[in-house]
Protein backbone atom coordinates (compact mmCIF):
# COMPACT_ATOMS: atom_id res chain seq x y z
CA UNK A 1 20.34 129.93 181.61
CA UNK A 2 23.79 129.46 183.15
CA UNK A 3 24.11 127.27 186.22
CA UNK A 4 27.11 129.30 187.39
CA UNK A 5 28.02 132.94 186.94
CA UNK A 6 31.78 132.32 186.94
CA UNK A 7 33.86 129.15 186.57
CA UNK A 8 37.42 129.71 187.73
CA UNK A 9 40.44 127.66 186.69
CA UNK A 10 43.54 128.25 188.76
CA UNK A 11 46.08 127.24 191.35
CA UNK A 12 44.70 125.73 194.56
CA UNK A 13 47.10 127.22 197.08
CA UNK A 14 47.18 127.69 200.83
CA UNK A 15 48.71 131.07 201.70
CA UNK A 16 51.10 131.23 204.65
CA UNK A 17 51.25 134.90 205.61
CA UNK A 18 53.89 136.57 207.74
CA UNK A 19 55.04 140.11 208.48
CA UNK A 20 58.74 140.56 207.76
CA UNK A 21 61.40 143.20 207.14
CA UNK A 22 62.98 144.21 203.83
CA UNK A 23 66.34 143.11 205.23
CA UNK A 24 65.04 139.53 205.43
CA UNK A 25 64.13 139.57 201.74
CA UNK A 26 67.56 140.91 200.82
CA UNK A 27 69.26 138.31 203.00
CA UNK A 28 67.32 135.56 201.23
CA UNK A 29 67.96 136.98 197.76
CA UNK A 30 64.28 137.61 197.08
CA UNK A 31 63.19 140.61 194.99
CA UNK A 32 60.69 142.69 196.94
CA UNK A 33 57.23 142.64 195.38
CA UNK A 34 57.93 139.61 193.22
CA UNK A 35 56.36 136.18 192.96
CA UNK A 36 58.96 133.47 192.49
CA UNK A 37 58.49 129.75 192.10
CA UNK A 38 60.37 127.56 194.60
CA UNK A 39 60.66 123.82 195.15
CA UNK A 40 59.40 122.04 198.26
CA UNK A 41 62.81 122.12 199.95
CA UNK A 42 63.29 125.87 199.46
CA UNK A 43 59.73 126.52 200.63
CA UNK A 44 60.41 124.58 203.84
CA UNK A 45 63.70 126.45 204.40
CA UNK A 46 62.03 129.84 204.10
CA UNK A 47 59.13 128.78 206.30
CA UNK A 48 61.53 127.80 209.09
CA UNK A 49 63.07 131.29 209.04
CA UNK A 50 59.80 133.22 209.13
CA UNK A 51 58.23 134.52 212.30
CA UNK A 52 54.63 133.94 213.33
CA UNK A 53 52.44 132.91 210.41
CA UNK A 54 48.77 132.80 209.50
CA UNK A 55 47.39 130.17 207.13
CA UNK A 56 44.42 130.68 204.83
CA UNK A 57 43.36 129.38 201.44
CA UNK A 58 44.56 131.41 198.48
CA UNK A 59 45.38 131.29 194.80
CA UNK A 60 44.55 134.21 192.53
CA UNK A 61 41.41 132.95 190.80
CA UNK A 62 40.32 131.05 193.93
CA UNK A 63 40.46 134.34 195.86
CA UNK A 64 38.36 136.03 193.20
CA UNK A 65 35.78 133.25 193.33
CA UNK A 66 35.55 133.48 197.12
CA UNK A 67 34.99 137.22 196.76
CA UNK A 68 32.35 136.67 194.08
CA UNK A 69 30.55 134.15 196.27
CA UNK A 70 30.60 136.70 199.11
CA UNK A 71 28.95 139.22 196.80
CA UNK A 72 26.22 136.72 195.94
CA UNK A 73 27.43 135.15 192.69
CA UNK A 74 27.26 131.45 191.82
CA UNK A 75 30.78 130.16 191.33
CA UNK A 76 32.70 126.94 190.73
CA UNK A 77 36.40 126.11 190.78
CA UNK A 78 38.67 123.76 188.86
CA UNK A 79 41.99 123.14 190.62
CA UNK A 80 44.03 120.35 192.20
CA UNK A 81 44.94 119.58 195.81
CA UNK A 82 46.46 116.52 197.41
CA UNK A 83 44.69 114.55 200.12
CA UNK A 84 46.84 116.08 202.87
CA UNK A 85 46.28 118.62 205.64
CA UNK A 86 46.64 121.70 203.45
CA UNK A 87 44.44 120.09 200.80
CA UNK A 88 41.72 119.54 203.40
CA UNK A 89 42.02 123.14 204.56
CA UNK A 90 41.72 124.50 201.02
CA UNK A 91 38.70 122.34 200.15
CA UNK A 92 36.89 123.22 203.37
CA UNK A 93 37.55 126.94 202.95
CA UNK A 94 36.25 127.04 199.37
CA UNK A 95 33.09 125.15 200.20
CA UNK A 96 32.46 127.13 203.38
CA UNK A 97 32.21 130.41 201.44
CA UNK A 98 29.88 128.88 198.86
CA UNK A 99 32.21 128.02 195.97
CA UNK A 100 31.34 124.73 194.23
CA UNK A 101 34.52 122.61 194.41
CA UNK A 102 34.20 118.85 194.11
CA UNK A 103 37.38 117.73 192.35
CA UNK A 104 38.77 114.64 194.12
CA UNK A 105 42.20 115.15 195.77
CA UNK A 106 45.18 113.44 194.17
CA UNK A 107 46.73 110.58 196.12
CA UNK A 108 50.24 110.58 194.63
CA UNK A 109 52.87 113.13 193.72
CA UNK A 110 53.71 116.51 195.30
CA UNK A 111 51.95 117.96 198.32
CA UNK A 112 49.24 120.63 198.15
CA UNK A 113 50.65 123.95 196.99
CA UNK A 114 51.55 126.72 199.37
CA UNK A 115 52.54 130.35 198.96
CA UNK A 116 54.71 132.10 201.51
CA UNK A 117 53.41 135.67 201.54
CA UNK A 118 55.95 137.97 203.19
CA UNK A 119 54.45 141.36 204.04
CA UNK A 120 56.86 144.25 204.64
CA UNK A 121 56.03 147.33 206.78
CA UNK A 122 54.85 149.28 203.72
CA UNK A 123 52.15 146.58 203.19
CA UNK A 124 53.84 145.31 200.02
CA UNK A 125 53.73 141.55 199.60
CA UNK A 126 56.46 139.30 198.25
CA UNK A 127 55.62 135.70 197.41
CA UNK A 128 57.52 132.43 197.20
CA UNK A 129 55.25 129.77 195.72
CA UNK A 130 55.57 126.00 195.76
CA UNK A 131 53.13 124.83 193.10
CA UNK A 132 52.95 121.22 194.27
CA UNK A 133 49.77 119.38 193.34
CA UNK A 134 48.07 122.37 191.70
CA UNK A 135 50.55 122.24 188.85
CA UNK A 136 49.07 118.92 187.75
CA UNK A 137 45.88 120.38 186.25
CA UNK A 138 45.40 118.80 182.84
CA UNK A 139 42.88 118.61 179.99
CA UNK A 140 41.17 115.68 181.76
CA UNK A 141 40.23 118.01 184.62
CA UNK A 142 38.28 120.45 182.46
CA UNK A 143 34.65 119.49 183.09
CA UNK A 144 32.38 120.51 180.18
CA UNK A 145 29.42 120.70 182.59
CA UNK A 146 31.12 123.45 184.59
CA UNK A 147 32.66 125.44 181.73
CA UNK A 148 29.77 125.32 179.28
CA UNK A 149 27.19 126.17 181.94
CA UNK A 150 29.07 129.18 183.30
CA UNK A 151 28.47 132.68 181.98
CA UNK A 152 32.19 133.49 182.32
CA UNK A 153 35.27 131.26 182.52
CA UNK A 154 38.05 132.99 184.46
CA UNK A 155 41.68 131.86 184.13
CA UNK A 156 44.93 132.97 185.76
CA UNK A 157 48.22 133.49 183.94
CA UNK A 158 50.12 131.69 186.68
CA UNK A 159 48.84 128.38 185.27
CA UNK A 160 50.75 128.95 182.04
CA UNK A 161 54.00 127.69 183.59
CA UNK A 162 53.07 124.00 183.11
CA UNK A 163 52.57 122.54 179.61
CA UNK A 164 49.69 120.25 180.63
CA UNK A 165 47.98 123.17 182.41
CA UNK A 166 48.45 125.28 179.28
CA UNK A 167 46.69 122.59 177.25
CA UNK A 168 43.89 122.53 179.83
CA UNK A 169 43.45 126.30 179.51
CA UNK A 170 43.24 126.12 175.73
CA UNK A 171 40.62 123.37 176.02
CA UNK A 172 38.54 125.42 178.46
CA UNK A 173 38.73 128.51 176.26
CA UNK A 174 37.61 126.49 173.22
CA UNK A 175 34.70 125.02 175.20
CA UNK A 176 33.53 128.40 176.47
CA UNK A 177 33.78 130.08 173.09
CA UNK A 178 32.09 127.11 171.46
CA UNK A 179 28.91 127.86 173.43
CA UNK A 180 29.34 131.64 173.10
CA UNK A 181 30.30 132.24 176.73
CA UNK A 182 32.86 134.83 177.76
CA UNK A 183 36.47 134.24 178.82
CA UNK A 184 38.29 136.40 181.37
CA UNK A 185 42.02 136.27 181.99
CA UNK A 186 44.41 137.83 184.50
CA UNK A 187 48.08 138.44 183.68
CA UNK A 188 48.88 137.54 187.33
CA UNK A 189 52.42 138.90 187.72
CA UNK A 190 55.11 140.86 185.85
CA UNK A 191 57.54 137.93 186.01
CA UNK A 192 54.80 135.69 184.60
CA UNK A 193 54.28 138.20 181.77
CA UNK A 194 57.98 138.25 180.98
CA UNK A 195 58.08 134.45 180.80
CA UNK A 196 55.07 134.17 178.49
CA UNK A 197 54.69 137.51 176.70
CA UNK A 198 54.16 136.12 173.20
CA UNK A 199 51.52 133.62 174.32
CA UNK A 200 49.71 136.21 176.43
CA UNK A 201 49.59 138.68 173.55
CA UNK A 202 48.12 136.00 171.31
CA UNK A 203 45.45 135.17 173.92
CA UNK A 204 44.53 138.82 174.39
CA UNK A 205 44.32 139.51 170.66
CA UNK A 206 42.39 136.38 169.73
CA UNK A 207 40.77 134.56 172.67
CA UNK A 208 40.03 136.83 175.64
CA UNK A 209 36.90 138.90 176.27
CA UNK A 210 37.87 140.48 179.61
CA UNK A 211 41.46 141.16 180.67
CA UNK A 212 42.67 142.02 184.18
CA UNK A 213 46.11 143.44 184.86
CA UNK A 214 47.85 146.01 187.01
CA UNK A 215 49.89 148.94 185.75
CA UNK A 216 53.25 147.18 186.08
CA UNK A 217 51.99 144.08 184.25
CA UNK A 218 50.57 145.98 181.31
CA UNK A 219 53.82 147.95 180.95
CA UNK A 220 55.77 144.68 181.05
CA UNK A 221 53.46 143.17 178.44
CA UNK A 222 54.13 145.96 175.94
CA UNK A 223 57.73 146.56 177.08
CA UNK A 224 57.34 150.24 177.88
CA UNK A 225 57.70 152.49 180.93
CA UNK A 226 54.94 154.76 179.60
CA UNK A 227 51.50 153.74 180.93
CA UNK A 228 49.61 155.73 178.30
CA UNK A 229 51.66 154.12 175.54
CA UNK A 230 50.81 150.69 176.94
CA UNK A 231 47.10 151.59 176.99
CA UNK A 232 47.29 152.76 173.39
CA UNK A 233 48.66 149.38 172.33
CA UNK A 234 46.11 147.48 174.40
CA UNK A 235 43.09 149.46 173.26
CA UNK A 236 40.96 147.36 170.95
CA UNK A 237 43.05 144.22 171.41
CA UNK A 238 40.24 142.64 173.45
CA UNK A 239 36.67 143.82 174.14
CA UNK A 240 37.26 144.89 177.78
CA UNK A 241 40.41 145.50 179.80
CA UNK A 242 40.43 146.55 183.47
CA UNK A 243 43.78 147.90 184.69
CA UNK A 244 44.36 148.55 188.40
CA UNK A 245 46.67 151.38 189.55
CA UNK A 246 46.76 151.07 193.37
CA UNK A 247 45.88 154.42 194.98
CA UNK A 248 45.12 155.87 191.53
CA UNK A 249 42.12 153.54 191.17
CA UNK A 250 41.59 151.73 187.88
CA UNK A 251 41.17 152.27 184.16
CA UNK A 252 38.56 150.47 182.08
CA UNK A 253 39.42 150.23 178.42
CA UNK A 254 37.28 149.35 175.42
CA UNK A 255 37.76 150.05 171.75
CA UNK A 256 35.62 153.18 172.04
CA UNK A 257 36.14 154.43 175.60
CA UNK A 258 38.69 154.96 178.37
CA UNK A 259 37.15 155.33 181.84
CA UNK A 260 39.25 156.32 184.86
CA UNK A 261 37.62 155.28 188.15
CA UNK A 262 38.97 156.62 191.48
CA UNK A 263 40.15 154.26 194.20
CA UNK A 264 38.00 153.60 197.23
CA UNK A 265 38.93 155.31 200.48
CA UNK A 266 41.02 153.03 202.74
CA UNK A 267 41.56 154.07 206.40
CA UNK A 268 44.70 151.95 206.77
CA UNK A 269 46.57 149.69 204.35
CA UNK A 270 47.60 146.51 206.17
CA UNK A 271 48.41 144.01 203.41
CA UNK A 272 48.06 144.38 199.64
CA UNK A 273 47.74 140.60 199.13
CA UNK A 274 44.67 139.88 197.02
CA UNK A 275 43.90 143.46 196.00
CA UNK A 276 43.85 142.59 192.29
CA UNK A 277 41.99 139.34 192.96
CA UNK A 278 39.20 141.11 194.84
CA UNK A 279 39.06 143.87 192.25
CA UNK A 280 38.29 141.11 189.74
CA UNK A 281 35.58 139.81 192.09
CA UNK A 282 33.75 143.12 192.09
CA UNK A 283 34.25 143.79 188.40
CA UNK A 284 33.04 140.35 187.31
CA UNK A 285 30.06 140.57 189.65
CA UNK A 286 29.06 143.75 187.87
CA UNK A 287 29.54 142.10 184.50
CA UNK A 288 27.20 139.21 185.32
CA UNK A 289 24.66 141.75 186.66
CA UNK A 290 24.96 143.57 183.31
CA UNK A 291 26.04 146.85 184.89
CA UNK A 292 27.73 149.60 182.92
CA UNK A 293 31.51 149.13 183.02
CA UNK A 294 32.32 152.13 185.26
CA UNK A 295 30.02 150.71 187.95
CA UNK A 296 31.79 147.34 187.63
CA UNK A 297 35.05 149.17 188.31
CA UNK A 298 33.58 151.07 191.28
CA UNK A 299 32.64 147.80 192.97
CA UNK A 300 36.02 146.31 192.02
CA UNK A 301 37.78 149.25 193.70
CA UNK A 302 35.58 148.90 196.78
CA UNK A 303 36.36 145.19 197.12
CA UNK A 304 40.09 145.83 196.65
CA UNK A 305 39.96 148.62 199.23
CA UNK A 306 38.24 146.35 201.70
CA UNK A 307 40.77 143.53 201.40
CA UNK A 308 43.90 145.66 201.79
CA UNK A 309 42.65 146.81 205.19
CA UNK A 310 43.22 143.32 206.63
CA UNK A 311 45.74 140.51 206.55
CA UNK A 312 45.14 137.93 203.82
CA UNK A 313 43.08 137.74 200.63
CA UNK A 314 39.83 136.29 202.00
CA UNK A 315 37.52 138.92 203.46
CA UNK A 316 36.87 138.81 207.20
CA UNK A 317 33.58 140.65 206.68
CA UNK A 318 30.64 140.18 204.29
CA UNK A 319 31.29 141.80 200.92
CA UNK A 320 27.62 141.90 199.87
CA UNK A 321 27.16 145.19 201.76
CA UNK A 322 29.53 146.85 199.28
CA UNK A 323 27.08 146.28 196.41
CA UNK A 324 24.74 148.96 197.72
């Protein structure tokens, strides 16, 4: 028996959310809809120019784990924070929603990571991320107790930017596969895909059991503007792939089947931050419950639909009611 349903390895980030105009992004030289890495100085400069902000814990895999815990799954997280104010906020938030997180904070080096999430009137989010302490995840942080006793190990592509984090990911994958547990991976971002395309293709073809991506990311991965052509190349590369398509819902791909699942009805889109993360929450919850894949996607779409009706990527309401 597994002690945990899902062990997540990812960036421990506090999101700083703000509504802004497209003109502000253009003025700052930031591509709308992108995620760019910034240093601590640039992060502080942008923060000073933003309007009213809201702070909440974030990070792609961390968001998914929080969603999973809200659905009733047993989850644990491997990630790094510093012993500062944002580190305390992140740790408290993860534990308060039921995610097991007991890694000691670092005492030296960069501050806890933050992500400035700038939401434009069309609900699109643009992110400037200071990786800070979370970029220091290394092989020493991969706890065999957590990985080997989890049914699924879930990893985010964002971590691939640091060499020591890359080594940590490879160690975790080897541990999970060594005890015949499944590995899930999210491509994270088109810019991340473009930086690491060759490595990501190798992971998908050889190491990954469940892949998450959105339409833009999968097109970027296979360097095509044709979604169907991208699916044709992906099909059979890994056992299961779940591709989100915003208002078009999602596509679940296996070697033998292609299932298109409609999006959930959303009264009003407020902020798309975390839509893919919460889709992964619902989908993985279905996987650990041994549901058929289309039902996993239905719950994933419902969770994504719920989160885009509010500001931020941590649900303001219980997600367990969506399971019914």
